Protein backbone atom coordinates (compact mmCIF):
# COMPACT_ATOMS: atom_id res chain seq x y z
CA MET A 1 15.47 12.95 1.82
CA ALA A 2 15.64 10.51 4.71
CA ARG A 3 13.23 7.62 4.44
CA VAL A 4 13.27 6.47 8.05
CA ILE A 5 10.27 6.37 10.38
CA VAL A 6 10.16 5.85 14.15
CA ILE A 7 6.93 4.08 15.09
CA SER A 8 5.08 2.38 17.91
CA MET A 9 1.60 1.03 18.52
CA ALA A 10 -0.88 1.96 21.22
CA GLY A 11 -0.43 -0.38 24.15
CA GLU A 12 3.14 -1.29 23.18
CA GLU A 13 6.13 -0.07 25.17
CA GLY A 14 8.93 0.09 22.61
CA LEU A 15 9.80 2.20 19.61
CA TRP A 16 10.85 0.80 16.24
CA VAL A 17 12.97 2.27 13.45
CA VAL A 18 11.75 1.54 9.93
CA ASP A 19 14.31 2.15 7.17
CA LEU A 20 12.33 2.16 3.93
CA ASP A 21 15.43 2.09 1.71
CA ALA A 22 17.01 -0.84 3.54
CA GLY A 23 13.67 -2.62 4.00
CA SER A 24 14.38 -3.12 7.68
CA VAL A 25 12.61 -2.73 11.00
CA VAL A 26 14.66 -2.77 14.20
CA PRO A 27 13.87 -1.98 17.84
CA LEU A 28 15.12 1.37 19.14
CA ASP A 29 16.76 1.50 22.56
CA PRO A 30 14.72 3.73 24.87
CA PRO A 31 15.94 7.29 24.33
CA LYS A 32 17.45 8.93 27.41
CA ALA A 33 17.45 12.54 26.15
CA GLY A 34 16.38 14.72 23.26
CA GLY A 35 13.25 14.92 21.18
CA LEU A 36 12.51 11.20 21.09
CA ASN A 37 12.70 11.06 24.87
CA THR A 38 10.12 13.86 25.00
CA VAL A 39 7.90 11.94 22.59
CA THR A 40 8.27 8.79 24.70
CA ASP A 41 7.18 10.73 27.79
CA LEU A 42 4.18 12.16 25.93
CA ARG A 43 3.17 8.68 24.71
CA ALA A 44 3.28 7.40 28.28
CA SER A 45 0.59 9.95 29.15
CA GLY A 46 -1.60 8.87 26.23
CA THR A 47 -0.64 11.57 23.74
CA ILE A 48 -0.50 10.58 20.07
CA VAL A 49 2.41 12.20 18.23
CA THR A 50 2.69 12.37 14.44
CA LYS A 51 4.95 14.38 12.17
CA GLY A 52 5.52 13.84 8.47
CA VAL A 53 3.27 10.76 8.29
CA ASP A 54 0.10 11.08 6.24
CA MET A 55 -1.29 7.57 6.70
CA ALA A 56 -0.91 4.88 9.33
CA VAL A 57 -3.30 2.07 10.23
CA VAL A 58 -3.08 -1.09 12.28
CA VAL A 59 -3.97 -4.31 10.47
CA THR A 60 -4.45 -7.82 11.79
CA SER A 61 -1.74 -9.31 9.58
CA ALA A 62 0.55 -8.63 6.65
CA GLU A 63 -1.72 -10.78 4.53
CA ALA A 64 -4.68 -8.52 5.36
CA ALA A 65 -2.68 -5.44 4.33
CA PHE A 66 -1.58 -7.01 1.04
CA ALA A 67 -5.24 -7.87 0.37
CA GLY A 68 -6.21 -4.23 0.99
CA HIS A 69 -8.04 -4.84 4.27
CA TYR A 70 -7.82 -3.11 7.64
CA ASP A 71 -10.09 -2.64 10.62
CA GLY A 72 -11.26 0.94 10.16
């Protein structure tokens, strides 16, 4: 099973690719066609899109996450 996630945060323009196996996060060039382009267009109108993710939260820092804290 692939362990790659495409993410972004509200208010941010770009998309990021997270490869859990490689332990890497890299920016994704803006998609010009296909499903990710559709998602990008939906995001621009304020739509939140999730698929296959069962938990995601924004935290103030990595240290806060490691301590078990988030602004909920």
